[in-house]
Amino acid sequence: MADSTKYIPVNGRNLVSDLKLKTLFSFRTKKTKAFVYAFVSIFVAVTFFLAFNPSPDPSSPWFSNIFITSTTIKANGTTSSSSKFSNIYSYFFPSNSSGITQSGNDTIPRSQTVNLNEPSVINNQSISQNHTQINAQQETNHTAIIMPKLAKNESVTENGVKSSSKPQDSVPVKLGTGGPSQRIEEKNRGNNVSSVSEKKQGNEDGKKQGIKDLLKKLVNCDMFDGEWVRDESYPLYKPGSCSLIDEQFNCFSNGRPDLGFQQYKWKPKACTLPRLDGSIMLQLLRGKRLVFVGDSLNRNMWESLICILRNSVKDQTKVYEASGRHNFRSEPSYAFIFKDYNCTVEFYVAPFLVQEWEAKDKNGTKKETLRLDLISNSAYQYKTADVVVFNTGHWWTHEKTSKGEDYYQEGGHIYSELNVLEAFRKAMTTWGMWVDANINPTKTSVFFRGYSASHFSGGQWNSGGACDHEIEPITNTTYLTPYPDKMTVLENVFKGMKTRVSYLNITRLTDFRKDGHPSIYRKQHYTEEEMKSPLHFQDCSHWCLPGVPDAWNEILYAQLLVKKYQSQQPL
């Protein structure tokens, strides 16, 4: 018979011919019959074995490699496995139970499983729902498989990172009930970028919340009553890393051998100051002007802050002095621009805050005077700034101001003699009146930094005073100097002002730091006259940078954060 007649089409299907069937099932020998019977018997035996024992021994490598395909984690931390053949068995012989039991009470609710025996209308919607439920269960099992082994007290966070926790902190979660594994898959499935963004946002939110909690404690804290504590994470910037520091303050470049004085932070008794974060402070100053007005001690503080903020900026070419200057001792004002933040940090020279003047005596000879009734002539340049930090004090201790003879002037009158404390009161009253009349307190925050202590021993700066041997702070408060009378006068002026002035009372905290001055390390090269002096001319008034003025800026930073917090504006 031809091959074309072996297969006869019936209703579009092919049937095997009788001849073929006879050939296929003909048993011509006893051996063949025995082989067939043996094969059938073995097949039936294996089938029944698998039907009534669907989960092989997982300890058997052969079974575990071939049969076991999924692993699930129970609430008690143990694992269970299922077989490919058990799944097949369940398909043909479905269970009538309401859920899948996992050791005792650890169950997956029926709503989250697929019962293939449950009557339903077979349509696209039911198929889609079944696929969704099956995929969810498979993903849960897959997560259980790839979960790493944990130490006794470790857990896995939602981003897959191991973290340690106490045993009592661990809460068993049932699979399929919205536990961590399922949430990981649902959160990250096809949305990795979103999950990274959420994590980053969570970190930012946590950082801001931490700052807010800290600020609550700072609101009523006396930030100036405390002590210096050793902290090896200081200074805020590495010695030699800031090229903007004047030679006068750059003790590191000038060869000072001991650098332990840089590893102190100021710790108030009632709170902890936040470490100055330059990037956060620049955010506070975005679009604003921060101005320092005063003497060279305020220049000390200004340079400290410039270095801290500049070191927090990635592209430092976008931080520059407005006129391109690199020396900050010869001009009456300077302004550093932080281009990416559209803000400036400026310094105006005004050592008395009131105006230095020239008057003619009876003979027509010009002589220097100090106008106690006029504010310094640069005041109009900073009266609209957002933050202004004033200071004065040291120039009132010089010989001419201390004696007060033919020096102080009001209107056309020059005092033949005036007590320096009274002259200081008059000058500060003039300053206070100008602030009240010209500064808008709803726009501008006004700070006044108090007197910075000096530590000349054995004389003044020009009469053999020295501090080069000091390498540790004062620890015994007995050796601190009395609070300056001028600062008491200043506080009384504050009380008579309409404008709220934040007083940075750093006098006591600086008095501890006899070790922080440049002393003989105020410059690299000395003149012949200076070299003739056994210890040269020493600077025991200003401060090395990095150093003590960094702490002043940390207090300023803390107070700006508090102001922001109290205004209820977002940080």
Protein backbone atom coordinates (compact mmCIF):
# COMPACT_ATOMS: atom_id res chain seq x y z
CA MET A 1 0.00 0.00 0.00
CA ALA A 2 1.32 3.41 -0.94
CA ASP A 3 2.30 5.89 1.79
CA SER A 4 -0.46 8.22 0.65
CA THR A 5 -3.11 5.69 1.65
CA LYS A 6 -1.73 5.02 5.19
CA TYR A 7 -3.29 8.20 6.62
CA ILE A 8 -6.93 8.96 5.87
CA PRO A 9 -8.10 12.54 6.70
CA VAL A 10 -11.30 12.71 8.83
CA ASN A 11 -12.75 16.14 9.66
CA GLY A 12 -9.34 17.74 9.14
CA ARG A 13 -7.47 15.23 11.37
CA ASN A 14 -5.24 12.17 10.58
CA LEU A 15 -5.99 8.72 11.97
CA VAL A 16 -3.47 5.91 12.15
CA SER A 17 -4.37 3.00 9.90
CA ASP A 18 -5.31 -0.39 11.30
CA LEU A 19 -2.24 -1.86 9.70
CA LYS A 20 0.03 0.52 11.55
CA LEU A 21 -1.67 -0.20 14.85
CA LYS A 22 -1.35 -3.91 14.40
CA THR A 23 2.34 -3.53 13.62
CA LEU A 24 2.89 -1.29 16.63
CA PHE A 25 1.24 -3.54 19.20
CA SER A 26 2.23 -6.95 17.92
CA PHE A 27 4.29 -9.04 20.36
CA ARG A 28 6.14 -11.73 18.53
CA THR A 29 8.57 -12.92 21.25
CA LYS A 30 8.41 -13.73 24.94
CA LYS A 31 11.34 -11.40 25.65
CA THR A 32 9.53 -8.51 24.09
CA LYS A 33 6.39 -9.25 26.11
CA ALA A 34 8.42 -9.50 29.34
CA PHE A 35 10.19 -6.21 28.66
CA VAL A 36 6.91 -4.43 28.01
CA TYR A 37 5.26 -5.82 31.17
CA ALA A 38 8.32 -4.86 33.29
CA PHE A 39 8.40 -1.33 31.89
CA VAL A 40 4.68 -0.81 32.54
CA SER A 41 4.99 -2.15 36.10
CA ILE A 42 7.91 0.16 36.93
CA PHE A 43 6.09 3.16 35.44
CA VAL A 44 2.97 2.44 37.52
CA ALA A 45 5.03 1.97 40.70
CA VAL A 46 6.93 5.26 40.24
CA THR A 47 3.71 7.09 39.49
CA PHE A 48 2.05 5.86 42.68
CA PHE A 49 5.18 6.61 44.73
CA LEU A 50 5.25 10.19 43.53
CA ALA A 51 1.49 10.54 43.95
CA PHE A 52 1.53 9.65 47.64
CA ASN A 53 4.96 11.04 48.53
CA PRO A 54 5.21 14.29 46.48
CA SER A 55 8.05 15.83 48.48
CA PRO A 56 11.26 13.81 48.15
CA ASP A 57 13.91 13.81 50.74
CA PRO A 58 15.68 17.18 50.26
CA SER A 59 18.81 15.78 51.81
CA SER A 60 19.30 13.66 48.70
CA PRO A 61 21.44 15.60 46.22
CA TRP A 62 19.80 13.87 43.29
CA PHE A 63 16.30 14.78 44.40
CA SER A 64 17.21 18.30 45.46
CA ASN A 65 18.83 19.05 42.11
CA ILE A 66 16.06 17.63 39.96
CA PHE A 67 12.79 17.85 41.88
CA ILE A 68 13.08 20.81 44.21
CA THR A 69 12.43 24.12 42.43
CA SER A 70 11.16 26.53 45.04
CA THR A 71 11.84 27.31 48.68
CA THR A 72 9.68 29.26 51.09
CA ILE A 73 10.47 30.80 54.48
CA LYS A 74 8.17 29.98 57.36
CA ALA A 75 7.33 32.32 60.19
CA ASN A 76 9.62 30.43 62.54
CA GLY A 77 12.58 30.96 60.23
CA THR A 78 12.68 27.43 58.75
CA THR A 79 12.33 26.64 55.06
CA SER A 80 10.23 24.16 53.07
CA SER A 81 10.56 22.89 49.51
CA SER A 82 8.12 21.70 46.84
CA SER A 83 8.57 19.35 43.87
CA LYS A 84 7.79 19.73 40.20
CA PHE A 85 5.96 16.44 40.39
CA SER A 86 3.93 17.51 43.40
CA ASN A 87 2.74 20.49 41.38
CA ILE A 88 1.75 18.17 38.55
CA TYR A 89 -0.02 15.91 41.05
CA SER A 90 -1.90 18.87 42.48
CA TYR A 91 -2.99 19.88 39.02
CA PHE A 92 -4.65 16.51 38.34
CA PHE A 93 -5.74 15.83 41.93
CA PRO A 94 -6.56 19.29 43.40
CA SER A 95 -7.02 19.75 47.15
CA ASN A 96 -10.36 20.83 48.53
CA SER A 97 -8.77 22.69 51.46
CA SER A 98 -9.29 26.44 51.85
CA GLY A 99 -5.59 27.36 51.74
CA ILE A 100 -2.02 26.10 51.59
CA THR A 101 -0.73 25.09 55.00
CA GLN A 102 2.86 25.85 55.97
CA SER A 103 3.61 24.25 59.27
CA GLY A 104 0.78 24.75 61.71
CA ASN A 105 -0.78 28.20 61.63
CA ASP A 106 1.52 29.67 58.98
CA THR A 107 -0.94 29.86 56.12
CA ILE A 108 -1.41 31.80 52.95
CA PRO A 109 -5.00 33.02 52.72
CA ARG A 110 -7.11 31.55 49.92
CA SER A 111 -7.53 34.95 48.30
CA GLN A 112 -3.81 34.94 47.50
CA THR A 113 -3.63 31.42 46.02
CA VAL A 114 -4.88 29.90 42.78
CA ASN A 115 -7.32 26.97 43.06
CA LEU A 116 -7.33 25.44 39.60
CA ASN A 117 -10.30 23.20 40.53
CA GLU A 118 -12.61 26.06 41.46
CA PRO A 119 -15.41 26.47 38.93
CA SER A 120 -15.24 29.73 37.07
CA VAL A 121 -16.04 31.24 33.72
CA ILE A 122 -13.05 30.83 31.44
CA ASN A 123 -12.54 34.22 29.87
CA ASN A 124 -9.73 36.74 29.38
CA GLN A 125 -10.43 38.45 32.69
CA SER A 126 -10.24 35.28 34.82
CA ILE A 127 -7.09 34.13 33.01
CA SER A 128 -5.44 37.49 33.63
CA GLN A 129 -6.35 37.36 37.32
CA ASN A 130 -5.00 33.82 37.65
CA HIS A 131 -1.71 34.83 35.99
CA THR A 132 -1.35 37.78 38.31
CA GLN A 133 -1.90 35.63 41.39
CA ILE A 134 0.44 32.90 40.15
CA ASN A 135 3.19 35.43 39.37
CA ALA A 136 2.82 37.01 42.80
CA GLN A 137 3.24 33.62 44.47
CA GLN A 138 6.21 32.72 42.25
CA GLU A 139 7.90 36.03 42.99
CA THR A 140 7.41 35.46 46.69
CA ASN A 141 9.03 32.03 46.40
CA HIS A 142 11.84 33.48 44.27
CA THR A 143 12.55 36.12 46.89
CA ALA A 144 12.71 33.41 49.52
CA ILE A 145 15.28 31.53 47.43
CA ILE A 146 17.64 34.48 46.91
CA MET A 147 17.39 35.71 50.51
CA PRO A 148 20.91 35.49 52.01
CA LYS A 149 21.63 33.56 55.17
CA LEU A 150 21.56 35.87 58.14
CA ALA A 151 23.52 35.89 61.35
CA LYS A 152 21.64 35.22 64.54
CA ASN A 153 20.65 38.84 65.12
CA GLU A 154 20.59 40.07 61.52
CA SER A 155 17.64 41.04 59.37
CA VAL A 156 17.28 42.24 55.82
CA THR A 157 15.99 45.72 55.18
CA GLU A 158 13.82 46.62 52.21
CA ASN A 159 16.81 47.71 50.17
CA GLY A 160 18.48 44.33 50.69
CA VAL A 161 21.09 45.51 53.20
CA LYS A 162 21.86 43.43 56.25
CA SER A 163 21.33 45.10 59.56
CA SER A 164 21.75 43.88 63.11
CA SER A 165 18.90 43.89 65.57
CA LYS A 166 18.12 42.40 68.93
CA PRO A 167 16.17 39.13 68.86
CA GLN A 168 13.15 40.71 70.53
CA ASP A 169 13.06 43.34 67.77
CA SER A 170 12.49 40.71 65.09
CA VAL A 171 8.84 40.21 64.11
CA PRO A 172 7.96 37.06 62.13
CA VAL A 173 6.03 37.91 58.96
CA LYS A 174 3.79 35.45 57.09
CA LEU A 175 4.55 35.14 53.43
CA GLY A 176 1.82 36.35 51.15
CA THR A 177 0.45 38.78 53.74
CA GLY A 178 2.31 41.90 52.73
CA GLY A 179 5.56 40.91 54.46
CA PRO A 180 9.02 42.32 53.62
CA SER A 181 9.74 39.90 50.77
CA GLN A 182 6.53 40.66 48.95
CA ARG A 183 6.90 44.41 49.53
CA ILE A 184 10.44 44.34 48.12
CA GLU A 185 9.24 42.78 44.88
CA GLU A 186 6.21 45.04 44.56
CA LYS A 187 8.28 48.14 45.30
CA ASN A 188 11.17 47.42 42.98
CA ARG A 189 9.42 45.57 40.14
CA GLY A 190 10.22 47.59 37.03
CA ASN A 191 10.79 50.69 39.13
CA ASN A 192 14.41 50.62 40.30
CA VAL A 193 14.97 54.33 39.61
CA SER A 194 11.94 55.23 41.68
CA SER A 195 13.08 53.10 44.62
CA VAL A 196 16.55 54.74 44.61
CA SER A 197 14.91 58.15 44.48
CA GLU A 198 12.63 57.25 47.39
CA LYS A 199 15.61 56.02 49.39
CA LYS A 200 17.51 59.25 48.71
CA GLN A 201 14.48 61.31 49.67
CA GLY A 202 14.10 59.23 52.82
CA ASN A 203 17.71 59.95 53.78
CA GLU A 204 17.19 63.68 53.19
CA ASP A 205 13.99 63.67 55.22
CA GLY A 206 15.75 61.80 58.02
CA LYS A 207 18.61 64.28 58.00
CA LYS A 208 16.21 67.22 58.18
CA GLN A 209 14.21 65.60 60.97
CA GLY A 210 17.42 64.99 62.92
CA ILE A 211 18.30 68.67 62.58
CA LYS A 212 14.82 69.70 63.75
CA ASP A 213 15.04 67.48 66.82
CA LEU A 214 18.43 68.98 67.60
CA LEU A 215 17.13 72.52 67.15
CA LYS A 216 14.37 71.98 69.69
CA LYS A 217 17.09 71.48 72.30
CA LEU A 218 19.07 74.51 71.07
CA VAL A 219 16.21 77.01 71.36
CA ASN A 220 16.57 77.54 75.13
CA CYS A 221 20.22 76.51 75.43
CA ASP A 222 22.93 78.88 76.63
CA MET A 223 25.45 78.14 73.90
CA PHE A 224 28.20 80.12 75.65
CA ASP A 225 28.27 78.25 78.95
CA GLY A 226 30.33 75.14 78.37
CA GLU A 227 33.77 73.70 77.87
CA TRP A 228 36.25 72.75 75.16
CA VAL A 229 36.38 69.01 74.54
CA ARG A 230 38.89 67.04 72.53
CA ASP A 231 37.54 65.81 69.21
CA GLU A 232 39.83 64.20 66.65
CA SER A 233 37.28 64.78 63.86
CA TYR A 234 38.20 68.48 64.01
CA PRO A 235 39.24 70.84 62.48
CA LEU A 236 36.44 71.51 59.99
CA TYR A 237 38.97 71.81 57.16
CA LYS A 238 42.48 70.45 56.81
CA PRO A 239 45.45 72.67 57.71
CA GLY A 240 46.91 74.08 54.52
CA SER A 241 43.78 73.31 52.48
CA CYS A 242 42.54 76.92 52.31
CA SER A 243 44.68 79.32 50.32
CA LEU A 244 42.48 82.26 51.36
CA ILE A 245 43.86 82.49 54.89
CA ASP A 246 46.06 85.54 55.44
CA GLU A 247 49.64 84.92 56.43
CA GLN A 248 48.84 86.52 59.80
CA PHE A 249 46.47 83.67 60.68
CA ASN A 250 48.10 80.80 58.79
CA CYS A 251 50.07 79.19 61.61
CA PHE A 252 50.40 75.89 59.73
CA SER A 253 52.16 77.48 56.76
CA ASN A 254 54.23 79.61 59.10
CA GLY A 255 55.72 76.51 60.68
CA ARG A 256 53.86 75.96 63.93
CA PRO A 257 54.87 72.41 64.90
CA ASP A 258 52.05 71.52 67.32
CA LEU A 259 48.58 71.11 65.79
CA GLY A 260 46.72 69.64 68.75
CA PHE A 261 45.07 73.01 69.42
CA GLN A 262 42.96 72.44 66.28
CA GLN A 263 41.29 69.31 67.64
CA TYR A 264 38.88 70.91 70.08
CA LYS A 265 35.20 71.68 69.77
CA TRP A 266 33.06 73.89 71.97
CA LYS A 267 30.48 71.89 73.97
CA PRO A 268 27.74 73.83 75.80
CA LYS A 269 26.60 72.25 79.06
CA ALA A 270 22.91 72.08 78.16
CA CYS A 271 23.07 71.04 74.50
CA THR A 272 25.30 69.94 71.65
CA LEU A 273 26.10 72.26 68.78
CA PRO A 274 25.59 70.80 65.30
CA ARG A 275 28.78 70.39 63.34
CA LEU A 276 28.91 73.16 60.76
CA ASP A 277 27.78 71.69 57.44
CA GLY A 278 28.92 74.12 54.74
CA SER A 279 26.43 72.86 52.17
CA ILE A 280 23.48 73.37 54.54
CA MET A 281 24.68 76.83 55.53
CA LEU A 282 24.99 77.79 51.88
CA GLN A 283 21.41 76.64 51.40
CA LEU A 284 20.41 78.93 54.27
CA LEU A 285 22.28 81.77 52.54
CA ARG A 286 21.01 81.10 49.02
CA GLY A 287 20.24 84.43 47.36
CA LYS A 288 21.36 86.35 50.47
CA ARG A 289 24.16 88.57 51.81
CA LEU A 290 26.03 87.71 54.99
CA VAL A 291 28.17 90.64 56.15
CA PHE A 292 30.84 90.96 58.85
CA VAL A 293 31.51 94.49 60.10
CA GLY A 294 34.26 95.38 62.56
CA ASP A 295 37.95 94.97 63.27
CA SER A 296 40.56 92.38 62.32
CA LEU A 297 39.05 89.86 64.77
CA ASN A 298 35.93 89.88 62.62
CA ARG A 299 38.19 89.43 59.59
CA ASN A 300 39.55 86.40 61.46
CA MET A 301 35.99 85.04 61.72
CA TRP A 302 35.13 85.99 58.12
CA GLU A 303 38.13 84.14 56.68
CA SER A 304 37.29 81.11 58.80
CA LEU A 305 33.77 80.97 57.36
CA ILE A 306 34.97 81.53 53.79
CA CYS A 307 37.28 78.52 54.12
CA ILE A 308 34.55 76.30 55.62
CA LEU A 309 31.98 77.21 52.95
CA ARG A 310 34.43 77.08 50.06
CA ASN A 311 35.61 73.60 51.04
CA SER A 312 32.01 72.35 50.83
CA VAL A 313 31.64 73.45 47.20
CA LYS A 314 32.58 70.94 44.49
CA ASP A 315 33.64 73.50 41.88
CA GLN A 316 35.76 75.97 43.82
CA THR A 317 36.38 78.08 40.72
CA LYS A 318 32.84 79.33 41.29
CA VAL A 319 33.89 80.86 44.62
CA TYR A 320 35.87 84.07 44.23
CA GLU A 321 36.42 87.54 45.64
CA ALA A 322 34.37 90.08 43.70
CA SER A 323 37.39 92.17 42.68
CA GLY A 324 39.78 89.24 42.31
CA ARG A 325 41.82 90.16 45.37
CA HIS A 326 43.80 87.60 47.36
CA ASN A 327 45.12 89.80 50.14
CA PHE A 328 42.54 90.97 52.65
CA ARG A 329 44.33 93.56 54.75
CA SER A 330 44.66 96.67 52.61
CA GLU A 331 41.14 97.47 51.36
CA PRO A 332 38.10 98.75 53.32
CA SER A 333 35.80 95.95 52.12
CA TYR A 334 35.78 92.51 50.47
CA ALA A 335 33.05 90.26 49.11
CA PHE A 336 33.28 86.56 48.30
CA ILE A 337 30.75 85.36 45.76
CA PHE A 338 29.36 81.82 45.83
CA LYS A 339 28.06 81.70 42.30
CA ASP A 340 26.03 78.49 42.48
CA TYR A 341 24.13 79.84 45.48
CA ASN A 342 23.84 83.46 44.34
CA CYS A 343 25.07 84.62 47.74
CA THR A 344 27.93 86.72 49.08
CA VAL A 345 29.91 86.66 52.33
CA GLU A 346 31.41 90.11 52.90
CA PHE A 347 33.67 91.99 55.28
CA TYR A 348 33.70 95.74 56.00
CA VAL A 349 36.53 97.32 57.99
CA ALA A 350 35.12 99.41 60.85
CA PRO A 351 37.19 98.81 64.01
CA PHE A 352 35.17 101.26 66.14
CA LEU A 353 31.83 100.98 64.28
CA VAL A 354 31.71 104.76 64.54
CA GLN A 355 33.57 107.07 62.21
CA GLU A 356 37.26 107.87 62.35
CA TRP A 357 37.72 111.57 61.68
CA GLU A 358 40.21 114.35 61.21
CA ALA A 359 39.88 117.72 62.93
CA LYS A 360 41.98 120.87 63.02
CA ASP A 361 43.32 122.22 66.25
CA LYS A 362 43.66 125.93 67.08
CA ASN A 363 46.82 126.14 65.03
CA GLY A 364 45.11 124.61 61.99
CA THR A 365 47.01 121.34 62.32
CA LYS A 366 45.04 118.21 61.42
CA LYS A 367 44.76 115.53 64.03
CA GLU A 368 42.89 112.24 64.25
CA THR A 369 39.69 112.06 66.27
CA LEU A 370 36.87 109.59 66.72
CA ARG A 371 33.34 110.82 66.00
CA LEU A 372 31.24 109.23 68.70
CA ASP A 373 28.08 110.57 67.08
CA LEU A 374 28.52 109.23 63.54
CA ILE A 375 28.27 105.67 62.28
CA SER A 376 31.14 104.41 60.06
CA ASN A 377 30.91 105.71 56.51
CA SER A 378 30.44 102.24 54.96
CA ALA A 379 27.17 101.59 56.79
CA TYR A 380 24.95 102.42 53.82
CA GLN A 381 26.53 99.53 51.91
CA TYR A 382 25.33 96.79 54.23
CA LYS A 383 22.13 98.12 55.81
CA THR A 384 19.99 95.97 53.48
CA ALA A 385 22.02 92.78 53.97
CA ASP A 386 20.24 89.66 55.21
CA VAL A 387 22.63 88.84 58.05
CA VAL A 388 25.06 91.31 59.67
CA VAL A 389 27.63 90.36 62.31
CA PHE A 390 29.11 93.38 64.11
CA ASN A 391 32.04 93.58 66.53
CA THR A 392 34.32 96.07 68.21
CA GLY A 393 36.51 96.11 71.30
CA HIS A 394 40.22 95.68 70.76
CA TRP A 395 40.90 99.11 69.33
CA TRP A 396 39.37 100.62 72.44
CA THR A 397 42.30 99.21 74.44
CA HIS A 398 45.00 101.04 72.46
CA GLU A 399 46.94 103.81 74.13
CA LYS A 400 45.18 106.71 72.39
CA THR A 401 41.66 105.46 73.11
CA SER A 402 42.53 104.38 76.65
CA LYS A 403 43.83 107.81 77.60
CA GLY A 404 41.02 109.65 75.80
CA GLU A 405 42.88 112.97 75.58
CA ASP A 406 41.88 115.31 72.74
CA TYR A 407 40.63 112.36 70.78
CA TYR A 408 36.89 111.83 71.21
CA GLN A 409 34.62 114.18 69.31
CA GLU A 410 30.87 114.90 69.17
CA GLY A 411 29.69 117.46 66.63
CA GLY A 412 32.29 120.20 66.62
CA HIS A 413 33.33 119.50 70.20
CA ILE A 414 36.52 117.59 70.99
CA TYR A 415 36.81 116.34 74.53
CA SER A 416 40.04 117.33 76.17
CA GLU A 417 39.64 114.20 78.24
CA LEU A 418 36.93 111.53 78.30
CA ASN A 419 36.84 108.20 80.11
CA VAL A 420 37.12 105.37 77.62
CA LEU A 421 34.15 103.49 79.08
CA GLU A 422 31.91 106.53 78.66
CA ALA A 423 33.23 107.08 75.14
CA PHE A 424 32.46 103.45 74.35
CA ARG A 425 28.91 103.85 75.69
CA LYS A 426 28.33 106.92 73.51
CA ALA A 427 29.69 105.14 70.43
CA MET A 428 27.56 102.02 70.99
CA THR A 429 24.47 104.17 71.58
CA THR A 430 25.12 105.81 68.21
CA TRP A 431 25.45 102.39 66.62
CA GLY A 432 22.23 101.16 68.26
CA MET A 433 20.27 104.20 67.10
CA TRP A 434 21.52 103.72 63.55
CA VAL A 435 20.49 100.04 63.58
CA ASP A 436 16.99 100.92 64.83
CA ALA A 437 16.59 103.62 62.18
CA ASN A 438 18.07 101.85 59.17
CA ILE A 439 17.77 98.08 59.47
CA ASN A 440 14.53 96.27 58.73
CA PRO A 441 14.34 93.49 61.36
CA THR A 442 11.88 91.49 59.23
CA LYS A 443 14.56 91.17 56.55
CA THR A 444 17.89 91.48 58.37
CA SER A 445 19.16 89.38 61.28
CA VAL A 446 21.53 91.39 63.48
CA PHE A 447 24.31 89.71 65.45
CA PHE A 448 26.97 91.26 67.66
CA ARG A 449 30.05 89.18 68.43
CA GLY A 450 31.50 89.93 71.84
CA TYR A 451 35.04 90.63 72.96
CA SER A 452 37.67 88.04 72.07
CA ALA A 453 40.14 87.42 74.91
CA SER A 454 43.87 88.06 74.52
CA HIS A 455 46.62 86.14 76.32
CA PHE A 456 49.76 88.27 76.45
CA SER A 457 52.04 87.19 79.25
CA GLY A 458 54.77 89.50 80.54
CA GLY A 459 53.67 92.57 78.56
CA GLN A 460 51.60 93.68 75.59
CA TRP A 461 52.11 93.00 71.89
CA ASN A 462 54.76 95.74 71.63
CA SER A 463 56.37 95.32 75.04
CA GLY A 464 57.47 91.70 75.21
CA GLY A 465 54.09 90.02 75.70
CA ALA A 466 54.30 86.34 74.77
CA CYS A 467 52.14 83.21 74.37
CA ASP A 468 54.31 80.99 72.17
CA HIS A 469 54.84 78.43 74.92
CA GLU A 470 51.10 77.73 75.30
CA ILE A 471 49.96 74.44 73.77
CA GLU A 472 46.95 73.51 75.99
CA PRO A 473 43.75 75.39 76.90
CA ILE A 474 43.09 76.71 80.40
CA THR A 475 41.20 74.09 82.41
CA ASN A 476 40.99 75.86 85.79
CA THR A 477 38.39 78.65 85.69
CA THR A 478 40.32 80.42 88.46
CA TYR A 479 42.74 81.64 85.82
CA LEU A 480 40.07 83.21 83.61
CA THR A 481 39.91 87.01 83.47
CA PRO A 482 36.92 89.05 84.69
CA TYR A 483 34.13 89.84 82.23
CA PRO A 484 35.07 93.07 80.39
CA ASP A 485 33.29 96.23 81.55
CA LYS A 486 32.80 97.29 77.94
CA MET A 487 30.72 94.21 77.24
CA THR A 488 28.50 95.03 80.23
CA VAL A 489 28.00 98.51 78.74
CA LEU A 490 27.18 96.91 75.39
CA GLU A 491 24.54 94.63 76.92
CA ASN A 492 22.83 97.69 78.44
CA VAL A 493 22.75 99.29 75.00
CA PHE A 494 21.04 96.18 73.60
CA LYS A 495 18.30 96.52 76.21
CA GLY A 496 17.47 100.03 75.02
CA MET A 497 17.15 99.05 71.34
CA LYS A 498 13.97 98.29 69.39
CA THR A 499 15.80 95.87 67.13
CA ARG A 500 16.49 92.40 68.47
CA VAL A 501 20.23 91.77 68.53
CA SER A 502 21.61 88.23 68.89
CA TYR A 503 24.64 88.50 71.15
CA LEU A 504 27.45 86.07 70.35
CA ASN A 505 29.04 86.25 73.79
CA ILE A 506 32.29 84.43 73.01
CA THR A 507 34.40 86.18 75.68
CA ARG A 508 34.50 83.31 78.16
CA LEU A 509 34.97 80.52 75.63
CA THR A 510 37.92 82.38 74.08
CA ASP A 511 39.45 83.04 77.49
CA PHE A 512 40.08 79.30 77.89
CA ARG A 513 42.09 79.15 74.67
CA LYS A 514 45.46 80.61 75.47
CA ASP A 515 46.91 77.96 73.13
CA GLY A 516 45.15 79.12 69.96
CA HIS A 517 47.03 82.33 69.04
CA PRO A 518 49.59 82.72 66.25
CA SER A 519 52.24 83.98 68.73
CA ILE A 520 55.57 83.86 66.85
CA TYR A 521 53.94 81.98 63.95
CA ARG A 522 52.18 85.10 62.68
CA LYS A 523 54.51 85.29 59.67
CA GLN A 524 57.24 83.41 57.86
CA HIS A 525 59.81 86.15 57.50
CA TYR A 526 60.81 88.68 60.15
CA THR A 527 62.59 92.00 59.80
CA GLU A 528 66.00 92.59 61.35
CA GLU A 529 64.40 94.62 64.13
CA GLU A 530 61.96 91.83 64.87
CA MET A 531 64.75 89.27 64.85
CA LYS A 532 66.64 91.27 67.50
CA SER A 533 63.83 90.63 69.97
CA PRO A 534 64.34 87.28 71.75
CA LEU A 535 60.82 86.13 70.98
CA HIS A 536 60.07 88.58 68.15
CA PHE A 537 56.79 90.45 68.19
CA GLN A 538 54.06 88.02 69.15
CA ASP A 539 50.38 87.96 68.28
CA CYS A 540 48.34 86.80 71.24
CA SER A 541 45.11 88.52 70.15
CA HIS A 542 44.21 86.99 66.80
CA TRP A 543 43.70 83.27 66.21
CA CYS A 544 45.26 80.59 64.07
CA LEU A 545 43.13 79.13 61.28
CA PRO A 546 41.90 76.44 61.43
CA GLY A 547 41.16 77.19 65.06
CA VAL A 548 39.01 79.03 67.57
CA PRO A 549 37.04 81.27 65.14
CA ASP A 550 35.68 78.11 63.51
CA ALA A 551 33.74 77.56 66.76
CA TRP A 552 32.32 81.09 66.56
CA ASN A 553 30.98 80.22 63.13
CA GLU A 554 29.52 76.95 64.42
CA ILE A 555 27.57 79.00 66.98
CA LEU A 556 26.48 81.44 64.25
CA TYR A 557 25.40 78.46 62.14
CA ALA A 558 23.41 77.01 65.06
CA GLN A 559 21.67 80.31 65.69
CA LEU A 560 20.77 80.74 62.01
CA LEU A 561 19.25 77.25 62.08
CA VAL A 562 17.29 78.14 65.22
CA LYS A 563 15.97 81.32 63.59
CA LYS A 564 14.89 79.30 60.56
CA TYR A 565 13.23 76.75 62.82
CA GLN A 566 11.39 79.37 64.87
CA SER A 567 10.15 81.08 61.72
CA GLN A 568 8.59 77.71 60.75
CA GLN A 569 10.09 77.96 57.30
CA PRO A 570 11.32 74.74 55.66
CA LEU A 571 15.01 74.01 56.10
